[in-house]
């Protein structure tokens, strides 16, 4: 028999953890771009996130296909430049995702504090093998 309180069903499912955003490299890319509303050049983004050209390019493609980032090609003098920036919907999606991460952290902190205060007891009726 479970001692779940009603309303706790799926309490720790964190449905808002978007798989597109929840990848380490993409999270770094998005955080870098969120800090710069005007965007970042590909080379600067590559250095900030410590990624190779190919790896950054692949992650940007995923984010662009999801409508989260926009990529603009241009020139500075005769040198080609690639500007990357969050779309408005991408910024909203990222901020919503960060809100979910904050709730994960709050739950983890609460659980850590509760563990320190309570004695560990086996559930009623549980018998170790």
N, C-alpha and C. Protein backbone atom coordinates (compact mmCIF):
# COMPACT_ATOMS: atom_id res chain seq x y z
N UNK A 1 0.84 -1.17 0.00
CA UNK A 1 0.00 0.00 0.00
C UNK A 1 0.88 1.24 0.00
N UNK A 2 0.56 2.19 -0.84
CA UNK A 2 1.35 3.41 -0.97
C UNK A 2 0.81 4.49 -0.05
N UNK A 3 1.70 5.29 0.49
CA UNK A 3 1.24 6.37 1.36
C UNK A 3 1.30 7.72 0.63
N UNK A 4 1.14 7.70 -0.70
CA UNK A 4 1.15 8.93 -1.49
C UNK A 4 -0.01 9.82 -1.10
N UNK A 5 0.27 11.10 -0.99
CA UNK A 5 -0.79 12.08 -0.76
C UNK A 5 -1.46 12.37 -2.09
N UNK A 6 -2.76 12.61 -2.06
CA UNK A 6 -3.42 12.96 -3.31
C UNK A 6 -2.83 14.27 -3.81
N UNK A 7 -2.69 14.41 -5.11
CA UNK A 7 -2.08 15.59 -5.69
C UNK A 7 -0.58 15.46 -5.89
N UNK A 8 0.02 14.38 -5.36
CA UNK A 8 1.46 14.17 -5.53
C UNK A 8 1.79 13.36 -6.79
N UNK A 9 0.77 12.84 -7.46
CA UNK A 9 0.99 12.04 -8.66
C UNK A 9 1.80 12.84 -9.68
N UNK A 10 2.93 12.31 -10.09
CA UNK A 10 3.78 12.98 -11.07
C UNK A 10 4.53 14.18 -10.52
N UNK A 11 4.59 14.31 -9.21
CA UNK A 11 5.19 15.47 -8.56
C UNK A 11 6.60 15.75 -9.06
N UNK A 12 7.36 14.72 -9.33
CA UNK A 12 8.74 14.90 -9.75
C UNK A 12 8.97 14.51 -11.22
N UNK A 13 7.95 14.60 -12.03
CA UNK A 13 8.08 14.26 -13.44
C UNK A 13 8.74 15.39 -14.24
N UNK A 14 8.59 16.62 -13.80
CA UNK A 14 9.20 17.80 -14.44
C UNK A 14 8.97 17.80 -15.95
N UNK A 15 7.71 17.81 -16.32
CA UNK A 15 7.34 17.77 -17.73
C UNK A 15 7.92 18.94 -18.52
N UNK A 16 8.21 20.05 -17.87
CA UNK A 16 8.75 21.22 -18.56
C UNK A 16 10.22 21.14 -18.92
N UNK A 17 10.88 20.04 -18.57
CA UNK A 17 12.28 19.89 -18.96
C UNK A 17 12.32 19.47 -20.43
N UNK A 18 12.41 20.45 -21.26
CA UNK A 18 12.37 20.31 -22.72
C UNK A 18 13.63 19.59 -23.21
N UNK A 19 13.47 18.46 -23.88
CA UNK A 19 14.61 17.66 -24.34
C UNK A 19 15.50 18.42 -25.33
N UNK A 20 14.91 19.30 -26.11
CA UNK A 20 15.72 20.08 -27.05
C UNK A 20 16.68 21.00 -26.30
N UNK A 21 16.20 21.57 -25.19
CA UNK A 21 17.01 22.50 -24.42
C UNK A 21 17.88 21.82 -23.38
N UNK A 22 17.53 20.62 -22.98
CA UNK A 22 18.14 19.97 -21.83
C UNK A 22 19.45 19.23 -22.15
N UNK A 23 20.01 19.46 -23.28
CA UNK A 23 21.28 18.87 -23.66
C UNK A 23 22.38 19.85 -23.25
N UNK A 24 23.47 19.36 -22.67
CA UNK A 24 24.52 20.21 -22.09
C UNK A 24 25.02 21.31 -23.04
N UNK A 25 25.41 20.94 -24.24
CA UNK A 25 25.95 21.93 -25.17
C UNK A 25 24.89 22.96 -25.56
N UNK A 26 23.66 22.49 -25.81
CA UNK A 26 22.60 23.42 -26.20
C UNK A 26 22.23 24.35 -25.05
N UNK A 27 22.27 23.85 -23.84
CA UNK A 27 22.00 24.70 -22.68
C UNK A 27 23.06 25.81 -22.58
N UNK A 28 24.32 25.47 -22.83
CA UNK A 28 25.38 26.47 -22.84
C UNK A 28 25.18 27.49 -23.95
N UNK A 29 24.80 27.03 -25.12
CA UNK A 29 24.54 27.93 -26.26
C UNK A 29 23.42 28.89 -25.91
N UNK A 30 22.32 28.35 -25.39
CA UNK A 30 21.17 29.19 -25.07
C UNK A 30 21.46 30.19 -23.97
N UNK A 31 22.21 29.77 -22.97
CA UNK A 31 22.55 30.68 -21.89
C UNK A 31 23.44 31.81 -22.41
N UNK A 32 24.37 31.47 -23.28
CA UNK A 32 25.23 32.49 -23.89
C UNK A 32 24.40 33.49 -24.70
N UNK A 33 23.48 32.96 -25.49
CA UNK A 33 22.65 33.84 -26.33
C UNK A 33 21.65 34.65 -25.51
N UNK A 34 21.16 34.08 -24.42
CA UNK A 34 20.20 34.80 -23.58
C UNK A 34 20.85 36.03 -22.94
N UNK A 35 22.15 35.95 -22.72
CA UNK A 35 22.87 37.07 -22.12
C UNK A 35 23.15 38.18 -23.13
N UNK A 36 22.93 37.91 -24.40
CA UNK A 36 23.21 38.89 -25.46
C UNK A 36 22.01 39.00 -26.39
N UNK A 37 21.14 39.95 -26.14
CA UNK A 37 19.93 40.11 -26.94
C UNK A 37 20.26 40.36 -28.41
N UNK A 38 21.40 41.01 -28.69
CA UNK A 38 21.78 41.29 -30.07
C UNK A 38 22.44 40.11 -30.75
N UNK A 39 22.69 39.02 -30.00
CA UNK A 39 23.26 37.81 -30.57
C UNK A 39 24.77 37.75 -30.43
N UNK A 40 25.32 36.67 -30.92
CA UNK A 40 26.76 36.43 -30.89
C UNK A 40 27.21 35.90 -32.23
N UNK A 41 28.43 36.25 -32.61
CA UNK A 41 29.02 35.67 -33.80
C UNK A 41 29.37 34.21 -33.52
N UNK A 42 29.29 33.39 -34.55
CA UNK A 42 29.56 31.97 -34.44
C UNK A 42 30.89 31.72 -33.73
N UNK A 43 31.94 32.42 -34.11
CA UNK A 43 33.26 32.20 -33.52
C UNK A 43 33.28 32.52 -32.03
N UNK A 44 32.57 33.57 -31.63
CA UNK A 44 32.51 33.93 -30.20
C UNK A 44 31.71 32.89 -29.42
N UNK A 45 30.61 32.44 -29.99
CA UNK A 45 29.78 31.41 -29.36
C UNK A 45 30.56 30.10 -29.22
N UNK A 46 31.30 29.76 -30.25
CA UNK A 46 32.13 28.56 -30.23
C UNK A 46 33.13 28.62 -29.07
N UNK A 47 33.77 29.75 -28.90
CA UNK A 47 34.76 29.91 -27.83
C UNK A 47 34.09 29.88 -26.45
N UNK A 48 32.98 30.57 -26.30
CA UNK A 48 32.28 30.61 -25.01
C UNK A 48 31.83 29.23 -24.56
N UNK A 49 31.40 28.42 -25.51
CA UNK A 49 30.85 27.10 -25.18
C UNK A 49 31.87 25.97 -25.31
N UNK A 50 33.07 26.32 -25.75
CA UNK A 50 34.15 25.34 -25.91
C UNK A 50 33.72 24.17 -26.81
N UNK A 51 33.19 24.53 -27.99
CA UNK A 51 32.72 23.53 -28.95
C UNK A 51 33.51 23.62 -30.24
N UNK A 52 33.54 22.54 -30.99
CA UNK A 52 34.16 22.56 -32.32
C UNK A 52 33.18 23.21 -33.30
N UNK A 53 33.70 23.58 -34.46
CA UNK A 53 32.83 24.15 -35.50
C UNK A 53 31.67 23.21 -35.83
N UNK A 54 32.00 21.93 -36.06
CA UNK A 54 30.97 20.97 -36.44
C UNK A 54 29.95 20.71 -35.35
N UNK A 55 30.43 20.62 -34.11
CA UNK A 55 29.52 20.37 -33.00
C UNK A 55 28.58 21.55 -32.80
N UNK A 56 29.13 22.77 -32.81
CA UNK A 56 28.29 23.96 -32.65
C UNK A 56 27.29 24.06 -33.80
N UNK A 57 27.77 23.81 -35.00
CA UNK A 57 26.90 23.88 -36.17
C UNK A 57 25.72 22.92 -36.04
N UNK A 58 25.99 21.70 -35.61
CA UNK A 58 24.93 20.69 -35.47
C UNK A 58 23.91 21.10 -34.41
N UNK A 59 24.38 21.59 -33.27
CA UNK A 59 23.46 22.02 -32.21
C UNK A 59 22.65 23.24 -32.65
N UNK A 60 23.28 24.16 -33.36
CA UNK A 60 22.54 25.33 -33.86
C UNK A 60 21.47 24.92 -34.85
N UNK A 61 21.76 23.90 -35.66
CA UNK A 61 20.75 23.41 -36.61
C UNK A 61 19.54 22.87 -35.88
N UNK A 62 19.77 22.09 -34.83
CA UNK A 62 18.66 21.55 -34.03
C UNK A 62 17.84 22.69 -33.44
N UNK A 63 18.52 23.68 -32.88
CA UNK A 63 17.83 24.82 -32.25
C UNK A 63 17.11 25.68 -33.28
N UNK A 64 17.70 25.83 -34.45
CA UNK A 64 17.07 26.61 -35.51
C UNK A 64 15.82 25.89 -36.03
N UNK A 65 15.91 24.59 -36.23
CA UNK A 65 14.76 23.81 -36.71
C UNK A 65 13.61 23.85 -35.70
N UNK A 66 13.94 24.01 -34.42
CA UNK A 66 12.91 24.09 -33.38
C UNK A 66 12.38 25.52 -33.22
N UNK A 67 12.92 26.46 -34.00
CA UNK A 67 12.46 27.85 -33.93
C UNK A 67 12.98 28.61 -32.72
N UNK A 68 14.04 28.11 -32.11
CA UNK A 68 14.58 28.72 -30.89
C UNK A 68 15.66 29.75 -31.21
N UNK A 69 16.47 29.49 -32.20
CA UNK A 69 17.49 30.45 -32.61
C UNK A 69 17.31 30.81 -34.07
N UNK A 70 17.83 31.98 -34.41
CA UNK A 70 17.89 32.37 -35.81
C UNK A 70 19.35 32.59 -36.18
N UNK A 71 19.66 32.26 -37.41
CA UNK A 71 21.02 32.35 -37.92
C UNK A 71 21.00 33.32 -39.09
N UNK A 72 21.88 34.32 -39.04
CA UNK A 72 21.98 35.29 -40.14
C UNK A 72 23.41 35.28 -40.66
N UNK A 73 23.52 35.16 -41.97
CA UNK A 73 24.83 35.18 -42.63
C UNK A 73 25.08 36.60 -43.14
N UNK A 74 26.31 37.05 -43.01
CA UNK A 74 26.68 38.37 -43.49
C UNK A 74 28.18 38.48 -43.67
N UNK A 75 28.64 39.70 -43.80
CA UNK A 75 30.06 39.94 -43.99
C UNK A 75 30.52 41.10 -43.11
N UNK A 76 31.75 41.01 -42.68
CA UNK A 76 32.45 42.14 -42.06
C UNK A 76 33.64 42.36 -42.97
N UNK A 77 33.56 43.44 -43.75
CA UNK A 77 34.54 43.61 -44.82
C UNK A 77 34.31 42.52 -45.85
N UNK A 78 35.35 41.76 -46.12
CA UNK A 78 35.21 40.64 -47.07
C UNK A 78 35.10 39.30 -46.37
N UNK A 79 35.14 39.33 -45.05
CA UNK A 79 35.09 38.07 -44.28
C UNK A 79 33.66 37.68 -43.97
N UNK A 80 33.28 36.45 -44.26
CA UNK A 80 31.93 35.99 -43.92
C UNK A 80 31.76 35.88 -42.40
N UNK A 81 30.59 36.24 -41.94
CA UNK A 81 30.26 36.18 -40.51
C UNK A 81 28.91 35.48 -40.36
N UNK A 82 28.73 34.78 -39.26
CA UNK A 82 27.46 34.14 -38.95
C UNK A 82 27.02 34.65 -37.59
N UNK A 83 25.86 35.29 -37.56
CA UNK A 83 25.30 35.83 -36.32
C UNK A 83 24.21 34.87 -35.82
N UNK A 84 24.27 34.54 -34.56
CA UNK A 84 23.30 33.63 -33.94
C UNK A 84 22.59 34.41 -32.83
N UNK A 85 21.27 34.26 -32.75
CA UNK A 85 20.55 34.87 -31.64
C UNK A 85 19.24 34.14 -31.38
N UNK A 86 18.75 34.33 -30.15
CA UNK A 86 17.48 33.71 -29.77
C UNK A 86 16.33 34.41 -30.48
N UNK A 87 15.35 33.64 -30.90
CA UNK A 87 14.11 34.23 -31.39
C UNK A 87 13.29 34.65 -30.15
N UNK A 88 12.27 35.43 -30.34
CA UNK A 88 11.43 35.83 -29.20
C UNK A 88 10.77 34.60 -28.57
N UNK A 89 10.26 33.70 -29.41
CA UNK A 89 9.64 32.50 -28.85
C UNK A 89 10.70 31.60 -28.21
N UNK A 90 11.90 31.60 -28.76
CA UNK A 90 13.00 30.84 -28.17
C UNK A 90 13.38 31.37 -26.80
N UNK A 91 13.39 32.69 -26.65
CA UNK A 91 13.69 33.31 -25.35
C UNK A 91 12.62 32.93 -24.32
N UNK A 92 11.35 32.98 -24.72
CA UNK A 92 10.26 32.59 -23.81
C UNK A 92 10.38 31.12 -23.42
N UNK A 93 10.66 30.28 -24.39
CA UNK A 93 10.80 28.84 -24.14
C UNK A 93 11.97 28.58 -23.20
N UNK A 94 13.08 29.27 -23.41
CA UNK A 94 14.26 29.12 -22.55
C UNK A 94 13.95 29.59 -21.13
N UNK A 95 13.30 30.72 -20.98
CA UNK A 95 12.97 31.23 -19.64
C UNK A 95 11.99 30.31 -18.92
N UNK A 96 11.04 29.73 -19.66
CA UNK A 96 10.14 28.75 -19.06
C UNK A 96 10.89 27.52 -18.59
N UNK A 97 11.83 27.09 -19.38
CA UNK A 97 12.68 25.94 -19.04
C UNK A 97 13.49 26.25 -17.78
N UNK A 98 14.05 27.44 -17.69
CA UNK A 98 14.83 27.84 -16.51
C UNK A 98 13.93 27.83 -15.27
N UNK A 99 12.68 28.24 -15.42
CA UNK A 99 11.73 28.18 -14.30
C UNK A 99 11.54 26.76 -13.79
N UNK A 100 11.46 25.80 -14.71
CA UNK A 100 11.32 24.40 -14.32
C UNK A 100 12.60 23.93 -13.62
N UNK A 101 13.76 24.31 -14.15
CA UNK A 101 15.02 23.95 -13.50
C UNK A 101 15.09 24.51 -12.08
N UNK A 102 14.58 25.72 -11.89
CA UNK A 102 14.57 26.31 -10.55
C UNK A 102 13.71 25.47 -9.61
N UNK A 103 12.60 24.93 -10.10
CA UNK A 103 11.76 24.09 -9.23
C UNK A 103 12.46 22.77 -8.92
N UNK A 104 13.22 22.23 -9.88
CA UNK A 104 13.99 21.01 -9.63
C UNK A 104 15.01 21.28 -8.51
N UNK A 105 15.71 22.40 -8.61
CA UNK A 105 16.70 22.75 -7.59
C UNK A 105 16.06 22.97 -6.23
N UNK A 106 14.92 23.64 -6.19
CA UNK A 106 14.22 23.86 -4.93
C UNK A 106 13.79 22.54 -4.31
N UNK A 107 13.26 21.63 -5.12
CA UNK A 107 12.86 20.31 -4.61
C UNK A 107 14.06 19.54 -4.08
N UNK A 108 15.18 19.61 -4.80
CA UNK A 108 16.39 18.90 -4.37
C UNK A 108 16.90 19.47 -3.05
N UNK A 109 16.87 20.78 -2.90
CA UNK A 109 17.31 21.42 -1.66
C UNK A 109 16.38 21.03 -0.50
N UNK A 110 15.07 21.06 -0.76
CA UNK A 110 14.11 20.65 0.28
C UNK A 110 14.34 19.20 0.69
N UNK A 111 14.57 18.33 -0.28
CA UNK A 111 14.81 16.91 0.02
C UNK A 111 16.09 16.73 0.83
N UNK A 112 17.13 17.47 0.47
CA UNK A 112 18.39 17.36 1.21
C UNK A 112 18.23 17.84 2.65
N UNK A 113 17.48 18.91 2.85
CA UNK A 113 17.24 19.42 4.20
C UNK A 113 16.40 18.45 5.01
N UNK A 114 15.38 17.88 4.38
CA UNK A 114 14.50 16.93 5.07
C UNK A 114 15.26 15.67 5.47
N UNK A 115 16.15 15.22 4.62
CA UNK A 115 16.94 14.01 4.90
C UNK A 115 17.83 14.22 6.12
N UNK A 116 18.36 15.41 6.27
CA UNK A 116 19.21 15.69 7.43
C UNK A 116 18.42 15.74 8.73
N UNK A 117 17.13 16.11 8.65
CA UNK A 117 16.31 16.26 9.85
C UNK A 117 15.62 14.98 10.29
N UNK A 118 15.45 14.03 9.39
CA UNK A 118 14.66 12.84 9.72
C UNK A 118 15.53 11.60 9.80
N UNK A 119 15.09 10.70 10.62
CA UNK A 119 15.75 9.41 10.74
C UNK A 119 15.27 8.54 9.59
N UNK A 120 16.15 7.81 8.96
CA UNK A 120 15.78 6.93 7.86
C UNK A 120 15.09 5.70 8.41
N UNK A 121 13.89 5.47 7.93
CA UNK A 121 13.08 4.33 8.38
C UNK A 121 12.57 3.60 7.15
N UNK A 122 12.56 2.29 7.20
CA UNK A 122 11.99 1.52 6.10
C UNK A 122 10.48 1.67 6.08
N UNK A 123 9.90 1.66 4.88
CA UNK A 123 8.43 1.75 4.79
C UNK A 123 7.76 0.61 5.55
N UNK A 124 6.58 0.90 6.11
CA UNK A 124 5.84 -0.10 6.87
C UNK A 124 5.57 -1.31 5.99
N UNK A 125 5.84 -2.48 6.54
CA UNK A 125 5.60 -3.73 5.82
C UNK A 125 6.74 -4.15 4.92
N UNK A 126 7.78 -3.34 4.79
CA UNK A 126 8.92 -3.68 3.93
C UNK A 126 9.90 -4.54 4.71
N UNK A 127 10.31 -5.60 4.06
CA UNK A 127 11.28 -6.49 4.68
C UNK A 127 12.45 -6.67 3.73
N UNK A 128 13.66 -6.28 4.14
CA UNK A 128 14.81 -6.44 3.24
C UNK A 128 15.07 -7.91 2.94
N UNK A 129 15.56 -8.18 1.78
CA UNK A 129 15.84 -9.55 1.35
C UNK A 129 17.08 -10.10 2.04
